[in-house]
């Protein structure tokens, strides 16, 4: 029992922690109210009765998966369910947002959203070249998103911490069209590859000149290895060309981009050949860094296009909304153009403005969304409702490769630390982070049925603290089933489920080895079920 002085210290410490986060993230109450009001107004206008709020069990599982990338432990779940505080959901949100698991999970999300999937070698390179460490620092320090965009695209690190940000451009290996095609959706939420040969056929506001202008902003960069590490050096000359449309008409690739003014640049006569000269550069202020062009195309893009570009905030809040609710306000989340209008334009406008006003505060944005009513609705779809864009019920989301690996590891072995053995095969078969449509294909089923790495992982989970061992140490099927279901699904089994489990176990031989194999098969069935593989 705590002594009065110790108890006072705990209370004061907890209070100071809450106040510190409020000072960092701002008081979320008004923001939560605004989100709820926008959704409620639309439901009222459309005469929609949304689903009821989800249970505490479902909320705890959903929130753990979304904020820390794994299911809750039995102890975490029971602690939350036994909490009698009226604001216990807010308390859990606050706790998880301060955890290291949140840092790791959102670093996973940013890595996939910005860089895409890759082989194990690709992930090793990202780790070795500090990209992963930089992403973790972004989340851990709650770094402003607009500053992150600048740091990535300028690629001139001013500190040891920022060295890893160079890898975004470096991994594209001087492929300027690839840089443009992947940069546009990553930071601006639009796809421009269709505008390579002509203006966008569906979203005509995205023009061919925007595609080639974006290429031109980056086509003077070149990967370089310096005494200070990997860098993107930039030439002060060259990169002038023309592009042709389908009719054969040519135009110069001016420095321009979607919803931004053209950056003026003196162009040499076509017959002139520029000679590179030190006169075109300024020396770097840091020894060993590449010299900097007096007129830097890349810096011009960062300062005159990306800075305060309206899509930087809109694209990010739409992407985080999609990540947490299962669907973007603009869907698909990376096609924010005239062909894909937002389902709730006023809500998107408000979220983007609040994000800018908060200093591009990532953690505040996440906190507002998961605190809102729409996030906490039950996933049972109300009768007569078919349109997921109403956000009138909790949309089911397939677990990502990382969520699956960590959750399976936690369920079977009591820790997510051994998830690495599952990550590579899961990333190959479950690559999508925000799929446009959710389907379970034959490849998924065959993988879960036959993949040796996965089945061996289950059968080899037999240490004293592992689930298989703990289950078999219990005296009867009721207790065994309760432990299995609480651990894997975060709920107690129904009477029918216990009876079916009893029947299945009784059909095996009475020896311990046969029962052990049956329990392996039971856990395999649970881990490959839709109930486990979806966040709902």
Protein backbone atom coordinates (compact mmCIF):
# COMPACT_ATOMS: atom_id res chain seq x y z
CA UNK A 1 0.00 0.00 0.00
CA UNK A 2 1.30 3.43 -0.91
CA UNK A 3 2.06 5.84 1.88
CA UNK A 4 0.29 9.25 1.68
CA UNK A 5 3.44 11.03 0.52
CA UNK A 6 4.10 8.41 -2.16
CA UNK A 7 0.50 8.58 -3.31
CA UNK A 8 0.71 12.36 -3.55
CA UNK A 9 3.85 12.03 -5.68
CA UNK A 10 2.09 9.62 -8.06
CA UNK A 11 -0.90 11.95 -8.41
CA UNK A 12 1.31 14.98 -9.01
CA UNK A 13 3.43 13.07 -11.52
CA UNK A 14 0.38 11.86 -13.43
CA UNK A 15 -1.11 15.35 -13.41
CA UNK A 16 2.11 16.91 -14.68
CA UNK A 17 2.31 14.32 -17.46
CA UNK A 18 -1.24 15.15 -18.55
CA UNK A 19 -0.54 18.89 -18.47
CA UNK A 20 2.68 18.40 -20.42
CA UNK A 21 0.85 16.57 -23.18
CA UNK A 22 -1.95 19.15 -23.23
CA UNK A 23 0.64 21.89 -23.65
CA UNK A 24 2.18 19.94 -26.53
CA UNK A 25 -1.00 18.76 -28.23
CA UNK A 26 -3.47 21.39 -27.08
CA UNK A 27 -6.78 20.65 -25.39
CA UNK A 28 -8.48 18.16 -27.71
CA UNK A 29 -12.04 18.64 -26.43
CA UNK A 30 -13.06 21.33 -28.93
CA UNK A 31 -11.50 19.47 -31.83
CA UNK A 32 -13.27 16.24 -30.90
CA UNK A 33 -16.56 18.14 -30.71
CA UNK A 34 -15.98 19.65 -34.16
CA UNK A 35 -15.37 16.27 -35.77
CA UNK A 36 -18.42 14.78 -34.09
CA UNK A 37 -20.54 17.73 -35.17
CA UNK A 38 -19.54 17.48 -38.83
CA UNK A 39 -20.47 13.78 -38.91
CA UNK A 40 -23.67 14.22 -36.93
CA UNK A 41 -24.85 17.01 -39.21
CA UNK A 42 -24.36 14.81 -42.26
CA UNK A 43 -26.12 11.86 -40.61
CA UNK A 44 -29.04 14.08 -39.67
CA UNK A 45 -29.25 15.55 -43.18
CA UNK A 46 -29.31 12.06 -44.70
CA UNK A 47 -31.60 10.66 -41.98
CA UNK A 48 -28.98 8.11 -40.99
CA UNK A 49 -28.93 6.42 -37.62
CA UNK A 50 -25.32 5.37 -37.06
CA UNK A 51 -24.23 2.23 -35.27
CA UNK A 52 -24.05 2.21 -31.49
CA UNK A 53 -20.74 2.79 -29.77
CA UNK A 54 -18.46 -0.23 -29.66
CA UNK A 55 -17.88 -2.17 -26.45
CA UNK A 56 -14.85 -1.55 -24.27
CA UNK A 57 -13.38 -4.90 -25.37
CA UNK A 58 -13.62 -3.95 -29.02
CA UNK A 59 -12.35 -0.43 -28.42
CA UNK A 60 -9.28 -1.68 -26.56
CA UNK A 61 -8.38 -4.11 -29.34
CA UNK A 62 -9.04 -1.56 -32.09
CA UNK A 63 -7.04 1.16 -30.38
CA UNK A 64 -4.05 -1.06 -29.59
CA UNK A 65 -3.88 -2.25 -33.19
CA UNK A 66 -4.16 1.29 -34.58
CA UNK A 67 -1.84 3.09 -32.16
CA UNK A 68 0.74 0.49 -31.19
CA UNK A 69 0.43 -2.06 -33.99
CA UNK A 70 -0.55 -5.10 -31.95
CA UNK A 71 -3.38 -6.66 -29.99
CA UNK A 72 -3.53 -5.92 -26.25
CA UNK A 73 -2.19 -8.43 -23.78
CA UNK A 74 -4.69 -10.14 -21.49
CA UNK A 75 -3.40 -8.05 -18.60
CA UNK A 76 -3.73 -4.79 -20.57
CA UNK A 77 -7.26 -5.71 -21.59
CA UNK A 78 -8.36 -6.68 -18.09
CA UNK A 79 -6.81 -3.56 -16.55
CA UNK A 80 -8.76 -1.40 -19.00
CA UNK A 81 -12.03 -3.29 -18.48
CA UNK A 82 -11.73 -2.98 -14.70
CA UNK A 83 -11.03 0.77 -14.88
CA UNK A 84 -14.04 2.65 -13.52
CA UNK A 85 -12.97 6.16 -14.51
CA UNK A 86 -15.49 7.85 -16.83
CA UNK A 87 -12.68 9.07 -19.10
CA UNK A 88 -10.83 5.77 -19.26
CA UNK A 89 -10.87 5.71 -23.06
CA UNK A 90 -9.13 9.07 -23.16
CA UNK A 91 -6.69 7.83 -20.54
CA UNK A 92 -5.84 4.77 -22.66
CA UNK A 93 -5.39 6.93 -25.77
CA UNK A 94 -3.03 9.22 -23.87
CA UNK A 95 -1.07 6.27 -22.47
CA UNK A 96 -0.59 4.54 -25.80
CA UNK A 97 0.44 7.75 -27.58
CA UNK A 98 3.29 8.11 -25.08
CA UNK A 99 4.57 4.54 -25.59
CA UNK A 100 7.55 3.30 -27.56
CA UNK A 101 5.25 0.85 -29.35
CA UNK A 102 3.45 3.87 -30.84
CA UNK A 103 6.79 5.14 -32.13
CA UNK A 104 7.63 1.83 -33.77
CA UNK A 105 4.18 1.31 -35.27
CA UNK A 106 3.84 4.75 -36.79
CA UNK A 107 7.40 4.55 -38.10
CA UNK A 108 6.25 1.36 -39.86
CA UNK A 109 3.28 3.23 -41.30
CA UNK A 110 5.32 6.19 -42.54
CA UNK A 111 7.95 3.92 -44.03
CA UNK A 112 5.37 2.04 -46.09
CA UNK A 113 3.41 5.15 -47.07
CA UNK A 114 6.48 7.10 -48.18
CA UNK A 115 8.74 4.33 -49.51
CA UNK A 116 6.52 1.38 -50.33
CA UNK A 117 7.34 -2.26 -49.73
CA UNK A 118 10.58 -3.96 -50.68
CA UNK A 119 12.73 -7.01 -50.22
CA UNK A 120 14.52 -7.82 -46.99
CA UNK A 121 17.60 -6.21 -48.52
CA UNK A 122 15.70 -2.96 -49.07
CA UNK A 123 14.63 -2.89 -45.43
CA UNK A 124 18.21 -3.58 -44.35
CA UNK A 125 19.43 -0.64 -46.42
CA UNK A 126 16.85 1.66 -44.90
CA UNK A 127 17.99 0.56 -41.47
CA UNK A 128 21.70 0.84 -42.25
CA UNK A 129 21.36 4.30 -43.76
CA UNK A 130 19.41 5.71 -40.81
CA UNK A 131 16.10 6.19 -42.62
CA UNK A 132 14.32 4.02 -40.07
CA UNK A 133 16.00 5.77 -37.14
CA UNK A 134 14.98 9.14 -38.57
CA UNK A 135 11.33 8.06 -38.90
CA UNK A 136 11.37 6.90 -35.29
CA UNK A 137 12.75 10.26 -34.17
CA UNK A 138 9.97 12.03 -36.07
CA UNK A 139 7.29 10.14 -34.17
CA UNK A 140 9.09 10.09 -30.81
CA UNK A 141 9.72 13.84 -30.87
CA UNK A 142 6.34 14.59 -32.46
CA UNK A 143 8.11 16.58 -35.13
CA UNK A 144 6.03 18.98 -37.23
CA UNK A 145 5.04 17.36 -40.51
CA UNK A 146 5.82 20.41 -42.65
CA UNK A 147 9.34 20.41 -41.22
CA UNK A 148 9.64 16.70 -42.04
CA UNK A 149 8.61 17.37 -45.65
CA UNK A 150 11.21 20.12 -45.94
CA UNK A 151 13.93 17.97 -44.43
CA UNK A 152 13.22 15.04 -46.74
CA UNK A 153 12.98 17.01 -49.98
CA UNK A 154 15.80 19.46 -49.35
CA UNK A 155 18.08 16.56 -48.35
CA UNK A 156 20.73 18.78 -46.74
CA UNK A 157 20.98 17.46 -43.19
CA UNK A 158 22.07 20.00 -40.60
CA UNK A 159 22.37 17.47 -37.78
CA UNK A 160 23.35 13.87 -37.22
CA UNK A 161 19.69 12.99 -36.59
CA UNK A 162 18.60 14.25 -40.02
CA UNK A 163 21.14 12.23 -42.00
CA UNK A 164 18.61 9.45 -42.51
CA UNK A 165 16.10 11.73 -44.25
CA UNK A 166 18.37 11.79 -47.32
CA UNK A 167 17.42 8.20 -48.05
CA UNK A 168 14.00 9.12 -49.48
CA UNK A 169 15.62 10.61 -52.58
CA UNK A 170 18.71 8.41 -52.48
CA UNK A 171 16.75 5.14 -52.74
CA UNK A 172 15.26 6.35 -56.06
CA UNK A 173 18.79 6.20 -57.56
CA UNK A 174 18.69 9.38 -59.67
CA UNK A 175 15.54 8.22 -61.45
CA UNK A 176 13.90 11.63 -61.70
CA UNK A 177 10.61 10.45 -63.12
CA UNK A 178 10.31 7.88 -60.36
CA UNK A 179 11.04 10.61 -57.82
CA UNK A 180 8.26 12.77 -59.27
CA UNK A 181 5.75 9.93 -59.54
CA UNK A 182 6.31 8.79 -55.96
CA UNK A 183 6.77 12.22 -54.39
CA UNK A 184 3.41 13.53 -55.60
CA UNK A 185 1.20 10.97 -53.85
CA UNK A 186 3.47 10.73 -50.80
CA UNK A 187 3.28 14.42 -49.92
CA UNK A 188 0.52 15.96 -52.03
CA UNK A 189 -1.97 13.10 -52.26
CA UNK A 190 -2.22 13.16 -56.06
CA UNK A 191 -1.10 10.77 -58.76
CA UNK A 192 0.59 12.42 -61.75
CA UNK A 193 1.96 9.48 -63.75
CA UNK A 194 -1.05 9.65 -66.08
CA UNK A 195 0.09 13.17 -67.09
CA UNK A 196 3.42 12.04 -68.53
CA UNK A 197 2.24 12.06 -72.15
CA UNK A 198 -0.83 14.30 -71.93
CA UNK A 199 -2.95 16.23 -69.47
CA UNK A 200 -4.71 13.90 -67.05
CA UNK A 201 -7.58 12.25 -68.89
CA UNK A 202 -9.95 12.24 -65.89
CA UNK A 203 -8.68 15.02 -63.63
CA UNK A 204 -7.90 17.64 -66.27
CA UNK A 205 -6.53 20.11 -63.71
CA UNK A 206 -3.42 17.89 -63.45
CA UNK A 207 -1.51 18.89 -66.56
CA UNK A 208 1.43 17.44 -68.43
CA UNK A 209 3.49 20.50 -67.55
CA UNK A 210 3.01 19.67 -63.86
CA UNK A 211 4.53 16.24 -64.38
CA UNK A 212 7.59 17.47 -66.26
CA UNK A 213 7.91 20.54 -64.05
CA UNK A 214 8.16 18.30 -60.99
CA UNK A 215 10.76 16.19 -62.76
CA UNK A 216 12.74 19.35 -63.58
CA UNK A 217 12.82 20.47 -59.93
CA UNK A 218 14.80 17.34 -59.05
CA UNK A 219 16.70 16.43 -62.24
CA UNK A 220 19.89 18.23 -61.25
CA UNK A 221 20.34 16.06 -58.17
CA UNK A 222 22.74 13.14 -58.07
CA UNK A 223 23.48 10.54 -55.42
CA UNK A 224 26.87 11.06 -53.84
CA UNK A 225 28.96 9.53 -51.08
CA UNK A 226 30.81 12.10 -48.97
CA UNK A 227 32.95 12.09 -45.86
CA UNK A 228 29.78 12.93 -43.96
CA UNK A 229 27.74 10.11 -45.47
CA UNK A 230 25.28 9.74 -48.33
CA UNK A 231 24.11 13.00 -49.87
CA UNK A 232 22.21 14.38 -52.86
CA UNK A 233 24.56 16.80 -54.55
CA UNK A 234 23.03 19.28 -56.97
CA UNK A 235 24.33 20.83 -60.14
CA UNK A 236 23.76 24.49 -60.93
CA UNK A 237 23.51 23.87 -64.67
CA UNK A 238 21.76 21.57 -67.10
CA UNK A 239 18.41 19.85 -66.84
CA UNK A 240 16.81 21.91 -69.62
CA UNK A 241 14.71 19.94 -72.03
CA UNK A 242 11.33 19.86 -73.72
CA UNK A 243 8.44 17.43 -73.54
CA UNK A 244 6.01 16.50 -76.29
CA UNK A 245 2.32 15.73 -76.07
CA UNK A 246 0.47 13.11 -78.11
CA UNK A 247 -0.02 15.56 -80.96
CA UNK A 248 3.73 16.10 -81.20
CA UNK A 249 3.71 19.66 -79.85
CA UNK A 250 6.73 20.46 -77.67
CA UNK A 251 6.97 22.63 -74.58
CA UNK A 252 9.86 23.52 -72.24
CA UNK A 253 9.95 21.79 -68.88
CA UNK A 254 9.47 24.90 -66.76
CA UNK A 255 9.72 24.78 -62.97
CA UNK A 256 6.05 24.44 -62.17
CA UNK A 257 3.74 22.17 -60.24
CA UNK A 258 0.08 21.63 -59.46
CA UNK A 259 -1.64 24.54 -57.67
CA UNK A 260 1.54 26.62 -57.54
CA UNK A 261 3.12 29.43 -59.56
CA UNK A 262 5.95 28.80 -61.98
CA UNK A 263 9.36 29.47 -60.45
CA UNK A 264 11.29 31.80 -62.78
CA UNK A 265 14.60 30.54 -64.11
CA UNK A 266 16.84 31.94 -66.80
CA UNK A 267 17.11 29.45 -69.65
CA UNK A 268 20.14 29.47 -71.97
CA UNK A 269 19.80 29.58 -75.71
CA UNK A 270 19.41 26.09 -77.10
CA UNK A 271 22.72 26.40 -78.93
CA UNK A 272 24.64 27.41 -75.81
CA UNK A 273 26.52 24.88 -73.76
CA UNK A 274 26.92 25.91 -70.17
CA UNK A 275 30.24 25.36 -68.48
CA UNK A 276 30.14 24.41 -64.83
CA UNK A 277 31.89 26.96 -62.67
CA UNK A 278 32.45 27.71 -58.99
CA UNK A 279 30.78 31.05 -59.69
CA UNK A 280 27.44 29.24 -59.76
CA UNK A 281 27.81 27.85 -56.22
CA UNK A 282 28.17 28.84 -52.61
CA UNK A 283 30.30 26.84 -50.25
CA UNK A 284 28.52 24.70 -47.69
CA UNK A 285 28.72 25.92 -44.12
CA UNK A 286 29.55 22.38 -43.01
CA UNK A 287 32.88 20.81 -43.96
CA UNK A 288 32.59 17.82 -46.25
CA UNK A 289 29.12 18.72 -47.57
CA UNK A 290 28.44 19.20 -51.31
CA UNK A 291 28.57 22.76 -52.60
CA UNK A 292 25.18 24.43 -53.03
CA UNK A 293 23.98 26.11 -56.25
CA UNK A 294 23.24 29.81 -55.88
CA UNK A 295 20.02 28.97 -57.66
CA UNK A 296 18.90 25.59 -56.41
CA UNK A 297 15.93 24.03 -58.13
CA UNK A 298 15.34 21.63 -55.25
CA UNK A 299 15.49 24.41 -52.67
CA UNK A 300 13.13 26.50 -54.80
CA UNK A 301 10.65 23.63 -54.79
CA UNK A 302 10.86 23.30 -51.02
CA UNK A 303 10.58 27.03 -50.31
CA UNK A 304 8.24 28.23 -53.07
CA UNK A 305 6.07 25.20 -53.81
CA UNK A 306 5.93 22.78 -50.88
CA UNK A 307 5.97 25.43 -48.14
CA UNK A 308 2.34 26.14 -47.24
CA UNK A 309 1.08 24.22 -50.29
CA UNK A 310 -2.59 23.51 -49.49
CA UNK A 311 -2.27 19.82 -50.29
CA UNK A 312 0.52 19.13 -47.79
CA UNK A 313 -1.87 19.37 -44.84
CA UNK A 314 -4.93 18.02 -46.67
CA UNK A 315 -3.11 14.97 -47.97
CA UNK A 316 -1.66 14.09 -44.59
CA UNK A 317 -4.88 14.43 -42.58
CA UNK A 318 -6.77 12.46 -45.23
CA UNK A 319 -4.16 9.70 -45.08
CA UNK A 320 -4.21 9.50 -41.28
CA UNK A 321 -8.02 9.52 -41.30
CA UNK A 322 -7.94 6.59 -43.74
CA UNK A 323 -5.35 4.77 -41.66
CA UNK A 324 -7.47 5.03 -38.50
CA UNK A 325 -11.04 4.77 -39.82
CA UNK A 326 -10.52 2.46 -42.79
CA UNK A 327 -11.31 4.95 -45.55
CA UNK A 328 -10.20 8.40 -46.59
CA UNK A 329 -12.50 11.39 -46.69
CA UNK A 330 -11.16 11.40 -50.23
CA UNK A 331 -11.04 7.82 -51.48
CA UNK A 332 -8.66 6.51 -52.69
CA UNK A 333 -6.50 8.49 -50.27
CA UNK A 334 -3.80 9.31 -52.84
CA UNK A 335 -6.12 10.61 -55.58
CA UNK A 336 -7.17 13.99 -54.21
CA UNK A 337 -8.37 15.42 -57.51
CA UNK A 338 -11.58 16.60 -59.14
CA UNK A 339 -12.54 13.04 -60.08
CA UNK A 340 -12.55 12.02 -56.43
CA UNK A 341 -14.42 14.66 -54.40
CA UNK A 342 -14.36 14.40 -50.59
CA UNK A 343 -17.32 12.73 -48.93
CA UNK A 344 -17.25 15.38 -46.17
CA UNK A 345 -15.59 18.51 -47.63
CA UNK A 346 -16.22 20.71 -44.58
CA UNK A 347 -14.67 18.11 -42.28
CA UNK A 348 -11.60 17.78 -44.51
CA UNK A 349 -11.22 21.56 -44.65
CA UNK A 350 -11.48 21.82 -40.88
CA UNK A 351 -9.00 19.00 -40.21
CA UNK A 352 -6.47 20.49 -42.61
CA UNK A 353 -6.80 23.95 -41.07
CA UNK A 354 -6.58 22.60 -37.52
CA UNK A 355 -3.49 20.59 -38.51
CA UNK A 356 -1.82 23.74 -39.86
CA UNK A 357 -2.88 25.80 -36.85
CA UNK A 358 -1.48 23.20 -34.45
CA UNK A 359 1.94 23.44 -36.09
CA UNK A 360 1.42 20.26 -38.13
CA UNK A 361 1.14 18.29 -34.90
CA UNK A 362 0.91 14.60 -35.83
CA UNK A 363 0.09 13.26 -32.37
CA UNK A 364 -2.70 15.80 -31.86
CA UNK A 365 -4.25 14.78 -35.19
CA UNK A 366 -4.14 11.09 -34.27
CA UNK A 367 -5.58 11.82 -30.84
CA UNK A 368 -8.49 13.84 -32.25
CA UNK A 369 -9.49 11.11 -34.68
CA UNK A 370 -9.36 8.17 -32.26
CA UNK A 371 -11.21 10.24 -29.64
CA UNK A 372 -14.06 11.02 -32.02
CA UNK A 373 -17.36 9.20 -32.05
CA UNK A 374 -16.91 7.94 -35.61
CA UNK A 375 -13.80 6.04 -34.59
CA UNK A 376 -15.62 4.40 -31.68
CA UNK A 377 -18.71 3.16 -33.54
CA UNK A 378 -19.45 -0.55 -33.58
CA UNK A 379 -18.53 -2.40 -36.77
CA UNK A 380 -22.00 -3.92 -37.17
CA UNK A 381 -23.43 -2.17 -40.23
CA UNK A 382 -26.89 -0.68 -39.59
CA UNK A 383 -29.71 -2.15 -41.66
CA UNK A 384 -30.28 -0.34 -44.94
CA UNK A 385 -26.85 1.30 -45.05
CA UNK A 386 -24.41 0.33 -47.79
CA UNK A 387 -22.19 3.37 -48.40
CA UNK A 388 -18.99 3.23 -46.33
CA UNK A 389 -18.39 6.91 -47.14
CA UNK A 390 -21.08 7.80 -44.59
CA UNK A 391 -18.75 6.61 -41.80
CA UNK A 392 -21.89 5.48 -39.98
CA UNK A 393 -20.32 2.28 -38.65
CA UNK A 394 -16.81 1.09 -37.83
CA UNK A 395 -15.17 -0.05 -41.05
CA UNK A 396 -13.21 -3.29 -40.87
CA UNK A 397 -9.52 -2.97 -41.76
CA UNK A 398 -7.21 -5.84 -42.70
CA UNK A 399 -4.19 -5.99 -40.43
CA UNK A 400 -0.93 -4.91 -42.02
CA UNK A 401 1.99 -7.29 -42.26
CA UNK A 402 3.58 -5.64 -39.22
CA UNK A 403 0.38 -5.76 -37.18
CA UNK A 404 -0.11 -9.43 -38.02
CA UNK A 405 3.47 -10.37 -37.17
CA UNK A 406 3.53 -8.51 -33.87
CA UNK A 407 0.07 -9.69 -32.82
CA UNK A 408 0.76 -13.34 -33.68
CA UNK A 409 4.07 -13.15 -31.82
CA UNK A 410 2.40 -11.53 -28.81
CA UNK A 411 -0.43 -14.07 -28.73
CA UNK A 412 1.79 -17.13 -29.06
CA UNK A 413 4.90 -16.04 -27.16
CA UNK A 414 3.82 -13.19 -24.93
CA UNK A 415 6.05 -10.65 -26.64
CA UNK A 416 6.30 -8.89 -29.99
CA UNK A 417 10.08 -9.09 -29.92
CA UNK A 418 10.14 -12.33 -31.89
CA UNK A 419 7.97 -10.99 -34.71
CA UNK A 420 10.97 -10.58 -37.05
CA UNK A 421 10.73 -14.21 -38.14
CA UNK A 422 7.28 -13.52 -39.61
CA UNK A 423 7.83 -10.06 -41.04
CA UNK A 424 9.48 -10.94 -44.34
CA UNK A 425 6.92 -13.56 -45.49
CA UNK A 426 4.02 -11.44 -44.23
CA UNK A 427 5.28 -8.33 -46.06
CA UNK A 428 5.41 -10.29 -49.30
CA UNK A 429 1.90 -11.70 -49.10
CA UNK A 430 0.15 -8.81 -47.30
CA UNK A 431 1.85 -5.76 -48.88
CA UNK A 432 -0.94 -3.18 -48.78
CA UNK A 433 -1.26 -0.65 -46.01
CA UNK A 434 -4.39 1.13 -47.23
CA UNK A 435 -5.94 -1.07 -49.93
CA UNK A 436 -8.53 0.61 -52.14
CA UNK A 437 -10.73 -2.48 -51.87
CA UNK A 438 -10.51 -5.23 -49.26
CA UNK A 439 -10.38 -8.77 -50.62
CA UNK A 440 -9.03 -12.09 -49.39
CA UNK A 441 -7.60 -13.97 -52.33
CA UNK A 442 -6.45 -17.49 -53.02
CA UNK A 443 -2.81 -16.49 -52.44
CA UNK A 444 -3.65 -15.32 -48.92
CA UNK A 445 -5.44 -18.56 -48.09
CA UNK A 446 -2.70 -20.77 -49.53
CA UNK A 447 -0.03 -18.84 -47.66
CA UNK A 448 -1.79 -19.14 -44.32
CA UNK A 449 -2.44 -22.84 -44.93
CA UNK A 450 0.96 -23.91 -46.20
CA UNK A 451 3.66 -21.40 -45.30
CA UNK A 452 6.36 -23.29 -43.44
CA UNK A 453 7.68 -20.27 -41.57
CA UNK A 454 4.24 -19.58 -40.09
CA UNK A 455 3.28 -23.16 -39.20
CA UNK A 456 6.72 -23.83 -37.71
CA UNK A 457 6.47 -20.63 -35.69
CA UNK A 458 3.29 -21.95 -34.07
CA UNK A 459 4.63 -25.44 -33.38
CA UNK A 460 7.90 -24.08 -31.97
CA UNK A 461 6.16 -21.74 -29.52
CA UNK A 462 6.56 -24.06 -26.53
CA UNK A 463 8.60 -22.21 -23.92
CA UNK A 464 7.14 -22.13 -20.38
CA UNK A 465 5.69 -18.64 -20.93
CA UNK A 466 4.21 -19.44 -24.36
CA UNK A 467 0.48 -19.78 -24.90
CA UNK A 468 0.50 -23.46 -25.95
CA UNK A 469 2.32 -24.45 -22.79
CA UNK A 470 0.10 -22.32 -20.55
CA UNK A 471 -3.08 -23.71 -22.11
CA UNK A 472 -2.06 -27.32 -21.59
CA UNK A 473 -1.21 -26.62 -17.96
CA UNK A 474 -4.84 -25.69 -17.22
CA UNK A 475 -7.14 -28.39 -15.79
CA UNK A 476 -10.19 -28.20 -18.07
CA UNK A 477 -11.44 -27.08 -21.45
CA UNK A 478 -13.41 -24.12 -20.08
CA UNK A 479 -10.30 -22.52 -18.62
CA UNK A 480 -8.20 -23.46 -21.65
CA UNK A 481 -10.72 -21.94 -24.05
CA UNK A 482 -11.01 -18.76 -21.98
CA UNK A 483 -7.25 -18.22 -22.01
CA UNK A 484 -6.99 -18.92 -25.75
CA UNK A 485 -9.87 -16.62 -26.72
CA UNK A 486 -8.87 -13.81 -24.38
CA UNK A 487 -5.29 -13.92 -25.65
CA UNK A 488 -6.02 -14.17 -29.37
CA UNK A 489 -9.40 -12.44 -29.79
CA UNK A 490 -9.62 -10.25 -26.68
CA UNK A 491 -12.93 -11.78 -25.62
CA UNK A 492 -14.32 -14.79 -23.80
CA UNK A 493 -15.65 -17.71 -25.88
CA UNK A 494 -19.33 -18.43 -26.27
CA UNK A 495 -20.81 -21.60 -24.88
CA UNK A 496 -21.16 -23.00 -28.40
CA UNK A 497 -17.48 -22.29 -29.15
CA UNK A 498 -16.42 -24.13 -25.98
CA UNK A 499 -18.62 -27.11 -26.88
CA UNK A 500 -17.19 -27.31 -30.39
CA UNK A 501 -13.67 -27.06 -29.03
CA UNK A 502 -14.44 -29.85 -26.54
CA UNK A 503 -15.74 -32.06 -29.34
CA UNK A 504 -12.69 -31.42 -31.49
CA UNK A 505 -10.22 -32.14 -28.69
CA UNK A 506 -12.09 -35.29 -27.64
CA UNK A 507 -11.76 -36.68 -31.18
CA UNK A 508 -7.99 -36.94 -30.68
CA UNK A 509 -6.17 -39.75 -28.97
CA UNK A 510 -5.93 -39.34 -25.21
CA UNK A 511 -2.16 -38.99 -25.13
CA UNK A 512 -0.53 -35.64 -24.49
CA UNK A 513 1.20 -35.45 -27.87
CA UNK A 514 -2.07 -35.80 -29.79
CA UNK A 515 -3.78 -33.16 -27.68
CA UNK A 516 -0.79 -30.87 -28.13
CA UNK A 517 -1.05 -31.17 -31.91
CA UNK A 518 -4.77 -30.49 -31.73
CA UNK A 519 -4.11 -27.30 -29.79
CA UNK A 520 -1.57 -26.22 -32.41
CA UNK A 521 -4.30 -26.66 -35.01
CA UNK A 522 -6.80 -24.73 -32.89
CA UNK A 523 -4.42 -21.79 -32.50
CA UNK A 524 -3.58 -21.90 -36.21
CA UNK A 525 -7.32 -21.71 -37.02
CA UNK A 526 -7.77 -18.78 -34.64
CA UNK A 527 -4.77 -16.84 -35.95
CA UNK A 528 -5.82 -17.30 -39.58
CA UNK A 529 -9.46 -16.42 -38.96
CA UNK A 530 -11.06 -13.20 -40.15
CA UNK A 531 -11.70 -12.24 -36.53
CA UNK A 532 -7.96 -12.11 -35.87
CA UNK A 533 -6.76 -10.80 -39.24
CA UNK A 534 -9.07 -7.79 -39.28
CA UNK A 535 -9.36 -4.77 -37.05
CA UNK A 536 -13.05 -4.34 -36.39
